[in-house]
Amino acid sequence: MKIYGYKKCSTCRKVENYLQEKGFEYDYIDITENPPGAKELKGIIKKSGKELKSFYNTSGIQYRELNIKEKRESMSEAEQIKMLSGNGRLLKRPIVVDSKKSSVGRQGIEKVWE
């Protein structure tokens, strides 16, 4: 299992504590320094069953500064995945993934990893 998160993020810390309490073993990866690559991100999105737009950190500063909301509407899925995999601050966090499933955000994680 992998957790893509950010140690200064309170939601990421809560999810990490939750997974520890449940006894899960995982590798913690700083999403801002090492976001998932395009191929891995595409697989994570597919495993989650969610739409690509669910993986955007819409409350992030860079999302607003780079005007991503309007830009993404004219971008292909491949272009969006390439952009997200190149900038971990644009990705919603935390992302938890194993060989069979994945989830994004706190609520999703608690539903998937009970």
PDB file of N, CA and C in Angstrom:
ATOM      1  N   MET A   1       0.848  -1.174   0.000  1.00  0.00           N
ATOM      2  CA  MET A   1       0.000   0.000   0.000  1.00  0.00           C
ATOM      3  C   MET A   1       0.892   1.234   0.000  1.00  0.00           C
ATOM      4  N   LYS A   2       0.433   2.256  -0.722  1.00  0.00           N
ATOM      5  CA  LYS A   2       1.127   3.544  -0.765  1.00  0.00           C
ATOM      6  C   LYS A   2       0.150   4.644  -0.356  1.00  0.00           C
ATOM      7  N   ILE A   3       0.690   5.619   0.348  1.00  0.00           N
ATOM      8  CA  ILE A   3      -0.054   6.840   0.639  1.00  0.00           C
ATOM      9  C   ILE A   3       0.716   7.980  -0.020  1.00  0.00           C
ATOM     10  N   TYR A   4       0.043   8.689  -0.910  1.00  0.00           N
ATOM     11  CA  TYR A   4       0.591   9.925  -1.452  1.00  0.00           C
ATOM     12  C   TYR A   4      -0.025  11.045  -0.631  1.00  0.00           C
ATOM     13  N   GLY A   5       0.788  11.729   0.145  1.00  0.00           N
ATOM     14  CA  GLY A   5       0.276  12.777   1.007  1.00  0.00           C
ATOM     15  C   GLY A   5       1.302  13.868   1.219  1.00  0.00           C
ATOM     16  N   TYR A   6       0.995  14.733   2.157  1.00  0.00           N
ATOM     17  CA  TYR A   6       1.839  15.866   2.491  1.00  0.00           C
ATOM     18  C   TYR A   6       1.816  15.986   4.010  1.00  0.00           C
ATOM     19  N   LYS A   7       2.958  15.856   4.641  1.00  0.00           N
ATOM     20  CA  LYS A   7       3.030  15.779   6.111  1.00  0.00           C
ATOM     21  C   LYS A   7       2.454  17.008   6.818  1.00  0.00           C
ATOM     22  N   LYS A   8       2.420  18.154   6.155  1.00  0.00           N
ATOM     23  CA  LYS A   8       1.868  19.361   6.783  1.00  0.00           C
ATOM     24  C   LYS A   8       0.347  19.444   6.625  1.00  0.00           C
ATOM     25  N   CYS A   9      -0.227  18.500   5.911  1.00  0.00           N
ATOM     26  CA  CYS A   9      -1.675  18.481   5.656  1.00  0.00           C
ATOM     27  C   CYS A   9      -2.378  17.738   6.790  1.00  0.00           C
ATOM     28  N   SER A  10      -3.304  18.410   7.467  1.00  0.00           N
ATOM     29  CA  SER A  10      -3.995  17.777   8.595  1.00  0.00           C
ATOM     30  C   SER A  10      -4.841  16.584   8.145  1.00  0.00           C
ATOM     31  N   THR A  11      -5.435  16.664   6.976  1.00  0.00           N
ATOM     32  CA  THR A  11      -6.231  15.550   6.472  1.00  0.00           C
ATOM     33  C   THR A  11      -5.336  14.337   6.215  1.00  0.00           C
ATOM     34  N   CYS A  12      -4.166  14.555   5.666  1.00  0.00           N
ATOM     35  CA  CYS A  12      -3.224  13.457   5.422  1.00  0.00           C
ATOM     36  C   CYS A  12      -2.804  12.815   6.732  1.00  0.00           C
ATOM     37  N   ARG A  13      -2.566  13.625   7.751  1.00  0.00           N
ATOM     38  CA  ARG A  13      -2.178  13.076   9.058  1.00  0.00           C
ATOM     39  C   ARG A  13      -3.314  12.267   9.661  1.00  0.00           C
ATOM     40  N   LYS A  14      -4.545  12.737   9.516  1.00  0.00           N
ATOM     41  CA  LYS A  14      -5.697  11.995  10.038  1.00  0.00           C
ATOM     42  C   LYS A  14      -5.849  10.650   9.340  1.00  0.00           C
ATOM     43  N   VAL A  15      -5.678  10.642   8.038  1.00  0.00           N
ATOM     44  CA  VAL A  15      -5.784   9.398   7.282  1.00  0.00           C
ATOM     45  C   VAL A  15      -4.654   8.444   7.665  1.00  0.00           C
ATOM     46  N   GLU A  16      -3.468   8.968   7.815  1.00  0.00           N
ATOM     47  CA  GLU A  16      -2.344   8.126   8.219  1.00  0.00           C
ATOM     48  C   GLU A  16      -2.614   7.501   9.591  1.00  0.00           C
ATOM     49  N   ASN A  17      -3.121   8.289  10.532  1.00  0.00           N
ATOM     50  CA  ASN A  17      -3.469   7.760  11.851  1.00  0.00           C
ATOM     51  C   ASN A  17      -4.551   6.695  11.749  1.00  0.00           C
ATOM     52  N   TYR A  18      -5.539   6.935  10.919  1.00  0.00           N
ATOM     53  CA  TYR A  18      -6.628   5.979  10.715  1.00  0.00           C
ATOM     54  C   TYR A  18      -6.076   4.645  10.205  1.00  0.00           C
ATOM     55  N   LEU A  19      -5.216   4.698   9.198  1.00  0.00           N
ATOM     56  CA  LEU A  19      -4.659   3.474   8.626  1.00  0.00           C
ATOM     57  C   LEU A  19      -3.752   2.755   9.623  1.00  0.00           C
ATOM     58  N   GLN A  20      -3.027   3.502  10.428  1.00  0.00           N
ATOM     59  CA  GLN A  20      -2.191   2.887  11.470  1.00  0.00           C
ATOM     60  C   GLN A  20      -3.060   2.172  12.494  1.00  0.00           C
ATOM     61  N   GLU A  21      -4.146   2.828  12.906  1.00  0.00           N
ATOM     62  CA  GLU A  21      -5.060   2.210  13.877  1.00  0.00           C
ATOM     63  C   GLU A  21      -5.667   0.923  13.331  1.00  0.00           C
ATOM     64  N   LYS A  22      -5.898   0.877  12.021  1.00  0.00           N
ATOM     65  CA  LYS A  22      -6.475  -0.308  11.381  1.00  0.00           C
ATOM     66  C   LYS A  22      -5.415  -1.378  11.108  1.00  0.00           C
ATOM     67  N   GLY A  23      -4.145  -1.056  11.347  1.00  0.00           N
ATOM     68  CA  GLY A  23      -3.075  -2.024  11.192  1.00  0.00           C
ATOM     69  C   GLY A  23      -2.514  -2.168   9.787  1.00  0.00           C
ATOM     70  N   PHE A  24      -2.775  -1.223   8.923  1.00  0.00           N
ATOM     71  CA  PHE A  24      -2.246  -1.269   7.555  1.00  0.00           C
ATOM     72  C   PHE A  24      -0.765  -0.890   7.533  1.00  0.00           C
ATOM     73  N   GLU A  25      -0.010  -1.568   6.693  1.00  0.00           N
ATOM     74  CA  GLU A  25       1.376  -1.199   6.440  1.00  0.00           C
ATOM     75  C   GLU A  25       1.412  -0.475   5.106  1.00  0.00           C
ATOM     76  N   TYR A  26       2.239   0.567   5.018  1.00  0.00           N
ATOM     77  CA  TYR A  26       2.253   1.382   3.806  1.00  0.00           C
ATOM     78  C   TYR A  26       3.578   2.102   3.648  1.00  0.00           C
ATOM     79  N   ASP A  27       3.797   2.569   2.437  1.00  0.00           N
ATOM     80  CA  ASP A  27       4.913   3.473   2.145  1.00  0.00           C
ATOM     81  C   ASP A  27       4.314   4.861   1.991  1.00  0.00           C
ATOM     82  N   TYR A  28       4.877   5.833   2.705  1.00  0.00           N
ATOM     83  CA  TYR A  28       4.395   7.207   2.624  1.00  0.00           C
ATOM     84  C   TYR A  28       5.258   7.966   1.624  1.00  0.00           C
ATOM     85  N   ILE A  29       4.603   8.583   0.654  1.00  0.00           N
ATOM     86  CA  ILE A  29       5.298   9.316  -0.397  1.00  0.00           C
ATOM     87  C   ILE A  29       4.818  10.759  -0.382  1.00  0.00           C
ATOM     88  N   ASP A  30       5.756  11.697  -0.309  1.00  0.00           N
ATOM     89  CA  ASP A  30       5.399  13.117  -0.339  1.00  0.00           C
ATOM     90  C   ASP A  30       4.926  13.460  -1.749  1.00  0.00           C
ATOM     91  N   ILE A  31       3.652  13.754  -1.856  1.00  0.00           N
ATOM     92  CA  ILE A  31       3.034  14.001  -3.160  1.00  0.00           C
ATOM     93  C   ILE A  31       3.570  15.262  -3.821  1.00  0.00           C
ATOM     94  N   THR A  32       4.072  16.195  -3.019  1.00  0.00           N
ATOM     95  CA  THR A  32       4.593  17.439  -3.599  1.00  0.00           C
ATOM     96  C   THR A  32       5.977  17.237  -4.206  1.00  0.00           C
ATOM     97  N   GLU A  33       6.718  16.256  -3.700  1.00  0.00           N
ATOM     98  CA  GLU A  33       8.056  15.981  -4.225  1.00  0.00           C
ATOM     99  C   GLU A  33       8.067  14.827  -5.226  1.00  0.00           C
ATOM    100  N   ASN A  34       7.198  13.861  -5.034  1.00  0.00           N
ATOM    101  CA  ASN A  34       7.162  12.663  -5.880  1.00  0.00           C
ATOM    102  C   ASN A  34       5.727  12.275  -6.225  1.00  0.00           C
ATOM    103  N   PRO A  35       5.054  13.065  -7.036  1.00  0.00           N
ATOM    104  CA  PRO A  35       3.689  12.688  -7.423  1.00  0.00           C
ATOM    105  C   PRO A  35       3.726  11.415  -8.266  1.00  0.00           C
ATOM    106  N   PRO A  36       2.618  10.680  -8.300  1.00  0.00           N
ATOM    107  CA  PRO A  36       2.607   9.478  -9.147  1.00  0.00           C
ATOM    108  C   PRO A  36       2.825   9.866 -10.606  1.00  0.00           C
ATOM    109  N   GLY A  37       3.546   9.019 -11.336  1.00  0.00           N
ATOM    110  CA  GLY A  37       3.759   9.253 -12.759  1.00  0.00           C
ATOM    111  C   GLY A  37       2.451   9.141 -13.528  1.00  0.00           C
ATOM    112  N   ALA A  38       2.456   9.562 -14.765  1.00  0.00           N
ATOM    113  CA  ALA A  38       1.230   9.582 -15.573  1.00  0.00           C
ATOM    114  C   ALA A  38       0.587   8.198 -15.681  1.00  0.00           C
ATOM    115  N   LYS A  39       1.379   7.182 -15.949  1.00  0.00           N
ATOM    116  CA  LYS A  39       0.843   5.822 -16.087  1.00  0.00           C
ATOM    117  C   LYS A  39       0.248   5.341 -14.763  1.00  0.00           C
ATOM    118  N   GLU A  40       0.970   5.578 -13.665  1.00  0.00           N
ATOM    119  CA  GLU A  40       0.456   5.164 -12.355  1.00  0.00           C
ATOM    120  C   GLU A  40      -0.804   5.952 -11.991  1.00  0.00           C
ATOM    121  N   LEU A  41      -0.804   7.256 -12.241  1.00  0.00           N
ATOM    122  CA  LEU A  41      -1.969   8.077 -11.919  1.00  0.00           C
ATOM    123  C   LEU A  41      -3.190   7.606 -12.697  1.00  0.00           C
ATOM    124  N   LYS A  42      -3.014   7.280 -13.951  1.00  0.00           N
ATOM    125  CA  LYS A  42      -4.132   6.778 -14.757  1.00  0.00           C
ATOM    126  C   LYS A  42      -4.692   5.500 -14.132  1.00  0.00           C
ATOM    127  N   GLY A  43      -3.817   4.609 -13.667  1.00  0.00           N
ATOM    128  CA  GLY A  43      -4.256   3.384 -13.000  1.00  0.00           C
ATOM    129  C   GLY A  43      -4.962   3.666 -11.686  1.00  0.00           C
ATOM    130  N   ILE A  44      -4.453   4.626 -10.923  1.00  0.00           N
ATOM    131  CA  ILE A  44      -5.068   5.007  -9.646  1.00  0.00           C
ATOM    132  C   ILE A  44      -6.485   5.518  -9.885  1.00  0.00           C
ATOM    133  N   ILE A  45      -6.634   6.357 -10.882  1.00  0.00           N
ATOM    134  CA  ILE A  45      -7.957   6.918 -11.197  1.00  0.00           C
ATOM    135  C   ILE A  45      -8.911   5.799 -11.594  1.00  0.00           C
ATOM    136  N   LYS A  46      -8.451   4.898 -12.430  1.00  0.00           N
ATOM    137  CA  LYS A  46      -9.298   3.783 -12.867  1.00  0.00           C
ATOM    138  C   LYS A  46      -9.715   2.910 -11.683  1.00  0.00           C
ATOM    139  N   LYS A  47      -8.783   2.574 -10.801  1.00  0.00           N
ATOM    140  CA  LYS A  47      -9.091   1.735  -9.637  1.00  0.00           C
ATOM    141  C   LYS A  47     -10.076   2.403  -8.688  1.00  0.00           C
ATOM    142  N   SER A  48     -10.061   3.722  -8.647  1.00  0.00           N
ATOM    143  CA  SER A  48     -10.928   4.446  -7.706  1.00  0.00           C
ATOM    144  C   SER A  48     -12.382   4.453  -8.153  1.00  0.00           C
ATOM    145  N   GLY A  49     -12.614   4.342  -9.455  1.00  0.00           N
ATOM    146  CA  GLY A  49     -13.975   4.433  -9.970  1.00  0.00           C
ATOM    147  C   GLY A  49     -14.499   5.861 -10.003  1.00  0.00           C
ATOM    148  N   LYS A  50     -13.634   6.821  -9.728  1.00  0.00           N
ATOM    149  CA  LYS A  50     -14.038   8.234  -9.719  1.00  0.00           C
ATOM    150  C   LYS A  50     -13.632   8.908 -11.019  1.00  0.00           C
ATOM    151  N   GLU A  51     -14.234  10.053 -11.249  1.00  0.00           N
ATOM    152  CA  GLU A  51     -13.885  10.843 -12.421  1.00  0.00           C
ATOM    153  C   GLU A  51     -12.558  11.557 -12.183  1.00  0.00           C
ATOM    154  N   LEU A  52     -11.888  11.872 -13.258  1.00  0.00           N
ATOM    155  CA  LEU A  52     -10.609  12.575 -13.193  1.00  0.00           C
ATOM    156  C   LEU A  52     -10.725  13.869 -12.386  1.00  0.00           C
ATOM    157  N   LYS A  53     -11.819  14.575 -12.520  1.00  0.00           N
ATOM    158  CA  LYS A  53     -11.965  15.860 -11.829  1.00  0.00           C
ATOM    159  C   LYS A  53     -11.928  15.712 -10.305  1.00  0.00           C
ATOM    160  N   SER A  54     -12.196  14.511  -9.797  1.00  0.00           N
ATOM    161  CA  SER A  54     -12.145  14.262  -8.354  1.00  0.00           C
ATOM    162  C   SER A  54     -10.727  14.310  -7.808  1.00  0.00           C
ATOM    163  N   PHE A  55      -9.734  14.270  -8.684  1.00  0.00           N
ATOM    164  CA  PHE A  55      -8.344  14.227  -8.261  1.00  0.00           C
ATOM    165  C   PHE A  55      -7.671  15.594  -8.258  1.00  0.00           C
ATOM    166  N   TYR A  56      -8.415  16.636  -8.559  1.00  0.00           N
ATOM    167  CA  TYR A  56      -7.867  17.991  -8.519  1.00  0.00           C
ATOM    168  C   TYR A  56      -7.976  18.582  -7.115  1.00  0.00           C
ATOM    169  N   ASN A  57      -6.920  19.213  -6.664  1.00  0.00           N
ATOM    170  CA  ASN A  57      -6.918  19.933  -5.399  1.00  0.00           C
ATOM    171  C   ASN A  57      -7.495  21.323  -5.661  1.00  0.00           C
ATOM    172  N   THR A  58      -8.815  21.397  -5.731  1.00  0.00           N
ATOM    173  CA  THR A  58      -9.479  22.641  -6.116  1.00  0.00           C
ATOM    174  C   THR A  58      -9.338  23.752  -5.080  1.00  0.00           C
ATOM    175  N   SER A  59      -8.951  23.412  -3.867  1.00  0.00           N
ATOM    176  CA  SER A  59      -8.757  24.448  -2.853  1.00  0.00           C
ATOM    177  C   SER A  59      -7.302  24.905  -2.771  1.00  0.00           C
ATOM    178  N   GLY A  60      -6.455  24.346  -3.608  1.00  0.00           N
ATOM    179  CA  GLY A  60      -5.042  24.688  -3.592  1.00  0.00           C
ATOM    180  C   GLY A  60      -4.740  26.021  -4.260  1.00  0.00           C
ATOM    181  N   ILE A  61      -3.686  26.644  -3.794  1.00  0.00           N
ATOM    182  CA  ILE A  61      -3.264  27.939  -4.318  1.00  0.00           C
ATOM    183  C   ILE A  61      -2.896  27.840  -5.796  1.00  0.00           C
ATOM    184  N   GLN A  62      -2.129  26.817  -6.159  1.00  0.00           N
ATOM    185  CA  GLN A  62      -1.695  26.692  -7.551  1.00  0.00           C
ATOM    186  C   GLN A  62      -2.872  26.448  -8.492  1.00  0.00           C
ATOM    187  N   TYR A  63      -3.864  25.715  -8.020  1.00  0.00           N
ATOM    188  CA  TYR A  63      -5.051  25.467  -8.834  1.00  0.00           C
ATOM    189  C   TYR A  63      -5.684  26.802  -9.239  1.00  0.00           C
ATOM    190  N   ARG A  64      -5.788  27.695  -8.269  1.00  0.00           N
ATOM    191  CA  ARG A  64      -6.381  29.009  -8.547  1.00  0.00           C
ATOM    192  C   ARG A  64      -5.431  29.908  -9.336  1.00  0.00           C
ATOM    193  N   GLU A  65      -4.154  29.959  -8.919  1.00  0.00           N
ATOM    194  CA  GLU A  65      -3.189  30.839  -9.589  1.00  0.00           C
ATOM    195  C   GLU A  65      -2.984  30.466 -11.055  1.00  0.00           C
ATOM    196  N   LEU A  66      -2.997  29.177 -11.348  1.00  0.00           N
ATOM    197  CA  LEU A  66      -2.784  28.723 -12.723  1.00  0.00           C
ATOM    198  C   LEU A  66      -4.081  28.647 -13.528  1.00  0.00           C
ATOM    199  N   ASN A  67      -5.202  29.017 -12.889  1.00  0.00           N
ATOM    200  CA  ASN A  67      -6.511  29.041 -13.555  1.00  0.00           C
ATOM    201  C   ASN A  67      -6.849  27.665 -14.166  1.00  0.00           C
ATOM    202  N   ILE A  68      -6.602  26.629 -13.410  1.00  0.00           N
ATOM    203  CA  ILE A  68      -6.773  25.261 -13.894  1.00  0.00           C
ATOM    204  C   ILE A  68      -8.235  24.937 -14.195  1.00  0.00           C
ATOM    205  N   LYS A  69      -9.150  25.474 -13.427  1.00  0.00           N
ATOM    206  CA  LYS A  69     -10.564  25.160 -13.639  1.00  0.00           C
ATOM    207  C   LYS A  69     -10.983  25.411 -15.088  1.00  0.00           C
ATOM    208  N   GLU A  70     -10.579  26.536 -15.627  1.00  0.00           N
ATOM    209  CA  GLU A  70     -10.947  26.868 -17.002  1.00  0.00           C
ATOM    210  C   GLU A  70     -10.056  26.156 -18.022  1.00  0.00           C
ATOM    211  N   LYS A  71      -8.797  25.973 -17.695  1.00  0.00           N
ATOM    212  CA  LYS A  71      -7.880  25.311 -18.622  1.00  0.00           C
ATOM    213  C   LYS A  71      -8.238  23.848 -18.833  1.00  0.00           C
ATOM    214  N   ARG A  72      -8.626  23.159 -17.758  1.00  0.00           N
ATOM    215  CA  ARG A  72      -8.862  21.719 -17.867  1.00  0.00           C
ATOM    216  C   ARG A  72     -10.047  21.378 -18.763  1.00  0.00           C
ATOM    217  N   GLU A  73     -10.976  22.291 -18.906  1.00  0.00           N
ATOM    218  CA  GLU A  73     -12.153  22.040 -19.741  1.00  0.00           C
ATOM    219  C   GLU A  73     -11.792  21.853 -21.210  1.00  0.00           C
ATOM    220  N   SER A  74     -10.694  22.454 -21.626  1.00  0.00           N
ATOM    221  CA  SER A  74     -10.281  22.325 -23.027  1.00  0.00           C
ATOM    222  C   SER A  74      -9.142  21.319 -23.215  1.00  0.00           C
ATOM    223  N   MET A  75      -8.757  20.649 -22.142  1.00  0.00           N
ATOM    224  CA  MET A  75      -7.655  19.691 -22.209  1.00  0.00           C
ATOM    225  C   MET A  75      -8.179  18.263 -22.345  1.00  0.00           C
ATOM    226  N   SER A  76      -7.430  17.438 -23.032  1.00  0.00           N
ATOM    227  CA  SER A  76      -7.784  16.020 -23.121  1.00  0.00           C
ATOM    228  C   SER A  76      -7.459  15.351 -21.784  1.00  0.00           C
ATOM    229  N   GLU A  77      -7.957  14.148 -21.595  1.00  0.00           N
ATOM    230  CA  GLU A  77      -7.660  13.399 -20.376  1.00  0.00           C
ATOM    231  C   GLU A  77      -6.153  13.170 -20.254  1.00  0.00           C
ATOM    232  N   ALA A  78      -5.511  12.807 -21.343  1.00  0.00           N
ATOM    233  CA  ALA A  78      -4.062  12.561 -21.321  1.00  0.00           C
ATOM    234  C   ALA A  78      -3.299  13.825 -20.927  1.00  0.00           C
ATOM    235  N   GLU A  79      -3.710  14.976 -21.436  1.00  0.00           N
ATOM    236  CA  GLU A  79      -3.048  16.236 -21.086  1.00  0.00           C
ATOM    237  C   GLU A  79      -3.238  16.560 -19.602  1.00  0.00           C
ATOM    238  N   GLN A  80      -4.442  16.310 -19.087  1.00  0.00           N
ATOM    239  CA  GLN A  80      -4.710  16.568 -17.676  1.00  0.00           C
ATOM    240  C   GLN A  80      -3.878  15.651 -16.780  1.00  0.00           C
ATOM    241  N   ILE A  81      -3.815  14.378 -17.130  1.00  0.00           N
ATOM    242  CA  ILE A  81      -3.037  13.431 -16.338  1.00  0.00           C
ATOM    243  C   ILE A  81      -1.560  13.812 -16.359  1.00  0.00           C
ATOM    244  N   LYS A  82      -1.061  14.213 -17.504  1.00  0.00           N
ATOM    245  CA  LYS A  82       0.334  14.642 -17.609  1.00  0.00           C
ATOM    246  C   LYS A  82       0.586  15.857 -16.716  1.00  0.00           C
ATOM    247  N   MET A  83      -0.343  16.808 -16.720  1.00  0.00           N
ATOM    248  CA  MET A  83      -0.204  18.000 -15.895  1.00  0.00           C
ATOM    249  C   MET A  83      -0.224  17.639 -14.406  1.00  0.00           C
ATOM    250  N   LEU A  84      -1.185  16.800 -14.000  1.00  0.00           N
ATOM    251  CA  LEU A  84      -1.295  16.407 -12.597  1.00  0.00           C
ATOM    252  C   LEU A  84      -0.084  15.608 -12.131  1.00  0.00           C
ATOM    253  N   SER A  85       0.407  14.728 -12.981  1.00  0.00           N
ATOM    254  CA  SER A  85       1.553  13.909 -12.584  1.00  0.00           C
ATOM    255  C   SER A  85       2.839  14.732 -12.524  1.00  0.00           C
ATOM    256  N   GLY A  86       2.831  15.893 -13.125  1.00  0.00           N
ATOM    257  CA  GLY A  86       3.995  16.766 -13.102  1.00  0.00           C
ATOM    258  C   GLY A  86       3.977  17.798 -11.995  1.00  0.00           C
ATOM    259  N   ASN A  87       2.865  17.885 -11.265  1.00  0.00           N
ATOM    260  CA  ASN A  87       2.748  18.892 -10.209  1.00  0.00           C
ATOM    261  C   ASN A  87       1.858  18.343  -9.087  1.00  0.00           C
ATOM    262  N   GLY A  88       2.485  17.754  -8.079  1.00  0.00           N
ATOM    263  CA  GLY A  88       1.741  17.136  -6.977  1.00  0.00           C
ATOM    264  C   GLY A  88       0.875  18.094  -6.189  1.00  0.00           C
ATOM    265  N   ARG A  89       1.150  19.385  -6.272  1.00  0.00           N
ATOM    266  CA  ARG A  89       0.308  20.351  -5.541  1.00  0.00           C
ATOM    267  C   ARG A  89      -1.061  20.522  -6.191  1.00  0.00           C
ATOM    268  N   LEU A  90      -1.191  20.070  -7.419  1.00  0.00           N
ATOM    269  CA  LEU A  90      -2.496  20.130  -8.090  1.00  0.00           C
ATOM    270  C   LEU A  90      -3.371  18.926  -7.750  1.00  0.00           C
ATOM    271  N   LEU A  91      -2.763  17.894  -7.160  1.00  0.00           N
ATOM    272  CA  LEU A  91      -3.500  16.672  -6.835  1.00  0.00           C
ATOM    273  C   LEU A  91      -4.161  16.758  -5.464  1.00  0.00           C
ATOM    274  N   LYS A  92      -5.410  16.318  -5.402  1.00  0.00           N
ATOM    275  CA  LYS A  92      -6.097  16.202  -4.121  1.00  0.00           C
ATOM    276  C   LYS A  92      -5.372  15.142  -3.310  1.00  0.00           C
ATOM    277  N   ARG A  93      -5.338  15.326  -2.028  1.00  0.00           N
ATOM    278  CA  ARG A  93      -4.637  14.385  -1.175  1.00  0.00           C
ATOM    279  C   ARG A  93      -5.446  14.086   0.068  1.00  0.00           C
ATOM    280  N   PRO A  94      -5.151  13.014   0.695  1.00  0.00           N
ATOM    281  CA  PRO A  94      -4.210  11.963   0.332  1.00  0.00           C
ATOM    282  C   PRO A  94      -4.806  11.007  -0.703  1.00  0.00           C
ATOM    283  N   ILE A  95      -3.910  10.341  -1.392  1.00  0.00           N
ATOM    284  CA  ILE A  95      -4.284   9.265  -2.303  1.00  0.00           C
ATOM    285  C   ILE A  95      -3.718   7.987  -1.697  1.00  0.00           C
ATOM    286  N   VAL A  96      -4.567   6.980  -1.551  1.00  0.00           N
ATOM    287  CA  VAL A  96      -4.133   5.688  -1.028  1.00  0.00           C
ATOM    288  C   VAL A  96      -4.382   4.660  -2.119  1.00  0.00           C
ATOM    289  N   VAL A  97      -3.377   3.810  -2.351  1.00  0.00           N
ATOM    290  CA  VAL A  97      -3.486   2.843  -3.441  1.00  0.00           C
ATOM    291  C   VAL A  97      -2.822   1.526  -3.038  1.00  0.00           C
ATOM    292  N   ASP A  98      -3.445   0.428  -3.444  1.00  0.00           N
ATOM    293  CA  ASP A  98      -2.796  -0.874  -3.342  1.00  0.00           C
ATOM    294  C   ASP A  98      -2.968  -1.578  -4.679  1.00  0.00           C
ATOM    295  N   SER A  99      -2.754  -2.854  -4.739  1.00  0.00           N
ATOM    296  CA  SER A  99      -2.793  -3.555  -6.026  1.00  0.00           C
ATOM    297  C   SER A  99      -4.197  -3.689  -6.600  1.00  0.00           C
ATOM    298  N   LYS A 100      -5.237  -3.479  -5.784  1.00  0.00           N
ATOM    299  CA  LYS A 100      -6.604  -3.699  -6.254  1.00  0.00           C
ATOM    300  C   LYS A 100      -7.491  -2.462  -6.257  1.00  0.00           C
ATOM    301  N   LYS A 101      -7.216  -1.508  -5.385  1.00  0.00           N
ATOM    302  CA  LYS A 101      -8.115  -0.360  -5.260  1.00  0.00           C
ATOM    303  C   LYS A 101      -7.352   0.894  -4.890  1.00  0.00           C
ATOM    304  N   SER A 102      -8.040   2.013  -5.028  1.00  0.00           N
ATOM    305  CA  SER A 102      -7.455   3.298  -4.642  1.00  0.00           C
ATOM    306  C   SER A 102      -8.560   4.240  -4.199  1.00  0.00           C
ATOM    307  N   SER A 103      -8.165   5.274  -3.485  1.00  0.00           N
ATOM    308  CA  SER A 103      -9.128   6.275  -3.030  1.00  0.00           C
ATOM    309  C   SER A 103      -8.405   7.608  -2.887  1.00  0.00           C
ATOM    310  N   VAL A 104      -9.215   8.649  -2.855  1.00  0.00           N
ATOM    311  CA  VAL A 104      -8.669   9.999  -2.736  1.00  0.00           C
ATOM    312  C   VAL A 104      -9.507  10.769  -1.725  1.00  0.00           C
ATOM    313  N   GLY A 105      -8.838  11.565  -0.895  1.00  0.00           N
ATOM    314  CA  GLY A 105      -9.524  12.343   0.120  1.00  0.00           C
ATOM    315  C   GLY A 105      -9.846  11.515   1.344  1.00  0.00           C
ATOM    316  N   ARG A 106     -10.143  12.170   2.425  1.00  0.00           N
ATOM    317  CA  ARG A 106     -10.377  11.482   3.695  1.00  0.00           C
ATOM    318  C   ARG A 106     -11.613  10.602   3.672  1.00  0.00           C
ATOM    319  N   GLN A 107     -12.723  11.118   3.213  1.00  0.00           N
ATOM    320  CA  GLN A 107     -13.961  10.344   3.233  1.00  0.00           C
ATOM    321  C   GLN A 107     -13.865   9.108   2.357  1.00  0.00           C
ATOM    322  N   GLY A 108     -13.257   9.256   1.212  1.00  0.00           N
ATOM    323  CA  GLY A 108     -13.111   8.115   0.328  1.00  0.00           C
ATOM    324  C   GLY A 108     -12.277   7.025   0.938  1.00  0.00           C
ATOM    325  N   ILE A 109     -11.253   7.406   1.656  1.00  0.00           N
ATOM    326  CA  ILE A 109     -10.346   6.440   2.249  1.00  0.00           C
ATOM    327  C   ILE A 109     -11.040   5.649   3.343  1.00  0.00           C
ATOM    328  N   GLU A 110     -11.795   6.318   4.173  1.00  0.00           N
ATOM    329  CA  GLU A 110     -12.472   5.610   5.255  1.00  0.00           C
ATOM    330  C   GLU A 110     -13.541   4.649   4.731  1.00  0.00           C
ATOM    331  N   LYS A 111     -14.126   4.955   3.590  1.00  0.00           N
ATOM    332  CA  LYS A 111     -15.125   4.051   2.995  1.00  0.00           C
ATOM    333  C   LYS A 111     -14.452   2.839   2.344  1.00  0.00           C
ATOM    334  N   VAL A 112     -13.343   3.058   1.684  1.00  0.00           N
ATOM    335  CA  VAL A 112     -12.669   1.988   0.939  1.00  0.00           C
ATOM    336  C   VAL A 112     -11.829   1.102   1.841  1.00  0.00           C
ATOM    337  N   TRP A 113     -11.220   1.666   2.871  1.00  0.00           N
ATOM    338  CA  TRP A 113     -10.243   0.943   3.693  1.00  0.00           C
ATOM    339  C   TRP A 113     -10.749   0.636   5.092  1.00  0.00           C
ATOM    340  N   GLU A 114     -11.997   0.213   5.205  1.00  0.00           N
ATOM    341  CA  GLU A 114     -12.560  -0.127   6.530  1.00  0.00           C
ATOM    342  C   GLU A 114     -11.937  -1.388   7.075  1.00  0.00           C
TER     343      GLU A 114
END
